[in-house]
Amino acid sequence: MKSPIDDFDRKILRVLQAEPALSIQNLSERVGLSHTPCWRRLKKLEADGVIKGRAIILDPEALNLSITVFAHIKLKQHDEETLEVFERSARARPEIVECFSMSGDSDFLLRIVTGSVSDYEQFLKHKLLHLPGVASVNSSFALKCVKNTTMLPI
């Protein structure tokens, strides 16, 4: 069972969201705890799954991945096996950087990054439309990114 999150835990999480590579010494100073209690709290947050991992944020433009596509997916059927196979297949495609199961008109919303519109067209024709259970895909291209953050409002 997960322990309740207190104010010190929230401070630790806020600081780490902004600076994930911060040393435990600097983290403990920032949140007002000594080294060992801060380390114990950090390990508990990791063990409880509150902290799932740490990431390095890359600039897609610098890597020639400037096209972001949001693809609304409708499935042919909605049985458990079809949903699980689709989700497993979506997780396996590196071009799909986010996949959400949705309520409403679409079954899934995918965020896909590619280097060009023609790259996306090839991905759509040769991969996306062939994922298990896909009935239709409605794609929208992002014009620009106004906000992109991994920081939760804690």
Protein backbone atom coordinates (compact mmCIF):
# COMPACT_ATOMS: atom_id res chain seq x y z
CA MET A 1 0.00 0.00 0.00
CA LYS A 2 1.33 3.43 -0.91
CA SER A 3 2.11 5.87 1.86
CA PRO A 4 0.34 9.25 1.83
CA ILE A 5 2.28 12.07 0.18
CA ASP A 6 3.18 14.87 2.62
CA ASP A 7 4.59 18.36 2.10
CA PHE A 8 8.23 17.20 2.12
CA ASP A 9 7.43 14.54 -0.50
CA ARG A 10 5.73 17.19 -2.64
CA LYS A 11 8.78 19.47 -2.32
CA ILE A 12 11.04 16.60 -3.39
CA LEU A 13 8.81 15.86 -6.38
CA ARG A 14 8.57 19.52 -7.45
CA VAL A 15 12.33 19.99 -7.30
CA LEU A 16 13.06 16.72 -9.14
CA GLN A 17 10.56 17.50 -11.88
CA ALA A 18 12.47 20.70 -12.62
CA GLU A 19 15.95 19.20 -12.16
CA PRO A 20 15.92 15.38 -12.40
CA ALA A 21 19.72 15.04 -12.33
CA LEU A 22 20.11 16.92 -9.04
CA SER A 23 22.36 15.18 -6.50
CA ILE A 24 20.82 13.91 -3.28
CA GLN A 25 22.95 16.45 -1.39
CA ASN A 26 21.57 19.39 -3.42
CA LEU A 27 18.05 17.95 -3.29
CA SER A 28 18.14 17.63 0.49
CA GLU A 29 19.36 21.23 0.83
CA ARG A 30 16.60 22.50 -1.48
CA VAL A 31 13.79 20.75 0.41
CA GLY A 32 15.11 21.41 3.92
CA LEU A 33 15.93 17.85 4.98
CA SER A 34 19.19 16.22 5.93
CA HIS A 35 20.76 13.77 3.49
CA THR A 36 19.54 10.45 4.93
CA PRO A 37 15.85 11.32 5.48
CA CYS A 38 15.71 12.89 2.01
CA TRP A 39 17.31 9.79 0.46
CA ARG A 40 14.86 7.50 2.33
CA ARG A 41 11.88 9.54 1.11
CA LEU A 42 13.21 9.50 -2.46
CA LYS A 43 13.66 5.70 -2.35
CA LYS A 44 10.14 5.29 -0.90
CA LEU A 45 8.65 7.45 -3.67
CA GLU A 46 10.47 5.30 -6.23
CA ALA A 47 9.42 2.01 -4.55
CA ASP A 48 5.79 3.16 -4.36
CA GLY A 49 5.84 3.96 -8.09
CA VAL A 50 5.21 7.68 -7.57
CA ILE A 51 8.50 8.29 -9.37
CA LYS A 52 8.41 6.09 -12.46
CA GLY A 53 11.79 7.15 -13.81
CA ARG A 54 13.83 10.10 -14.94
CA ALA A 55 14.10 11.36 -18.48
CA ILE A 56 16.18 13.60 -20.66
CA ILE A 57 14.05 15.89 -22.82
CA LEU A 58 15.31 16.03 -26.41
CA ASP A 59 14.66 18.78 -28.95
CA PRO A 60 12.79 17.13 -31.85
CA GLU A 61 13.82 19.94 -34.23
CA ALA A 62 17.51 19.26 -33.53
CA LEU A 63 16.91 15.61 -34.42
CA ASN A 64 14.98 16.37 -37.63
CA LEU A 65 11.71 15.16 -36.09
CA SER A 66 9.78 18.38 -36.57
CA ILE A 67 6.37 16.93 -37.51
CA THR A 68 3.91 16.13 -34.71
CA VAL A 69 0.74 14.32 -35.68
CA PHE A 70 -2.27 13.56 -33.53
CA ALA A 71 -4.03 10.48 -34.88
CA HIS A 72 -7.53 9.60 -33.73
CA ILE A 73 -7.99 5.84 -34.06
CA LYS A 74 -11.27 3.96 -34.29
CA LEU A 75 -11.19 0.20 -33.90
CA LYS A 76 -13.32 -2.35 -35.76
CA GLN A 77 -14.37 -4.05 -32.53
CA HIS A 78 -13.98 -3.42 -28.82
CA ASP A 79 -13.39 -6.78 -27.23
CA GLU A 80 -10.63 -7.18 -24.64
CA GLU A 81 -8.28 -9.08 -26.96
CA THR A 82 -8.48 -6.46 -29.74
CA LEU A 83 -7.83 -3.64 -27.27
CA GLU A 84 -4.86 -5.41 -25.68
CA VAL A 85 -3.28 -6.35 -29.01
CA PHE A 86 -3.68 -2.80 -30.33
CA GLU A 87 -2.16 -1.31 -27.16
CA ARG A 88 0.78 -3.73 -27.27
CA SER A 89 1.37 -2.92 -30.95
CA ALA A 90 1.19 0.85 -30.31
CA ARG A 91 3.74 0.56 -27.49
CA ALA A 92 6.11 -1.26 -29.87
CA ARG A 93 6.19 1.56 -32.48
CA PRO A 94 8.87 4.15 -31.64
CA GLU A 95 7.14 6.80 -33.80
CA ILE A 96 4.18 6.69 -31.41
CA VAL A 97 5.39 8.66 -28.40
CA GLU A 98 2.05 8.80 -26.58
CA CYS A 99 -1.05 6.63 -26.77
CA PHE A 100 -4.24 7.33 -24.86
CA SER A 101 -7.37 5.20 -24.61
CA MET A 102 -10.20 7.68 -25.10
CA SER A 103 -13.88 8.22 -24.44
CA GLY A 104 -15.94 9.87 -27.15
CA ASP A 105 -15.70 9.44 -30.92
CA SER A 106 -12.20 7.93 -31.00
CA ASP A 107 -11.00 4.80 -29.26
CA PHE A 108 -7.38 5.99 -29.07
CA LEU A 109 -5.45 9.21 -29.52
CA LEU A 110 -1.83 8.84 -30.63
CA ARG A 111 0.90 11.46 -30.69
CA ILE A 112 3.34 10.59 -33.43
CA VAL A 113 6.61 12.33 -34.32
CA THR A 114 8.24 12.11 -37.74
CA GLY A 115 10.73 14.01 -39.85
CA SER A 116 8.33 15.06 -42.60
CA VAL A 117 4.77 14.85 -43.86
CA SER A 118 5.86 12.24 -46.40
CA ASP A 119 7.46 10.19 -43.58
CA TYR A 120 4.11 10.27 -41.78
CA GLU A 121 2.30 9.28 -44.96
CA GLN A 122 4.56 6.22 -45.28
CA PHE A 123 4.07 5.38 -41.60
CA LEU A 124 0.31 5.72 -42.01
CA LYS A 125 0.14 3.55 -45.13
CA HIS A 126 2.60 0.86 -44.11
CA LYS A 127 2.31 0.69 -40.31
CA LEU A 128 -0.52 2.60 -38.66
CA LEU A 129 -3.36 1.32 -40.85
CA HIS A 130 -2.04 -2.20 -40.32
CA LEU A 131 -2.06 -2.14 -36.54
CA PRO A 132 -4.44 -4.81 -35.20
CA GLY A 133 -8.10 -3.84 -35.24
CA VAL A 134 -7.77 -0.40 -36.84
CA ALA A 135 -10.94 0.65 -38.68
CA SER A 136 -10.04 4.29 -39.37
CA VAL A 137 -7.45 6.98 -38.69
CA ASN A 138 -8.14 10.72 -38.59
CA SER A 139 -4.89 12.70 -38.53
CA SER A 140 -4.22 16.29 -37.47
CA PHE A 141 -0.85 18.03 -37.85
CA ALA A 142 0.39 20.35 -35.12
CA LEU A 143 1.33 23.77 -36.46
CA LYS A 144 3.50 24.68 -33.47
CA CYS A 145 3.99 23.60 -29.90
CA VAL A 146 2.75 26.25 -27.49
CA LYS A 147 3.42 24.26 -24.31
CA ASN A 148 5.05 20.91 -23.68
CA THR A 149 5.91 19.90 -20.15
CA THR A 150 6.43 16.76 -18.14
CA MET A 151 5.86 18.63 -14.88
CA LEU A 152 2.67 17.74 -12.99
CA PRO A 153 0.90 20.48 -11.00
CA ILE A 154 1.79 19.27 -7.50
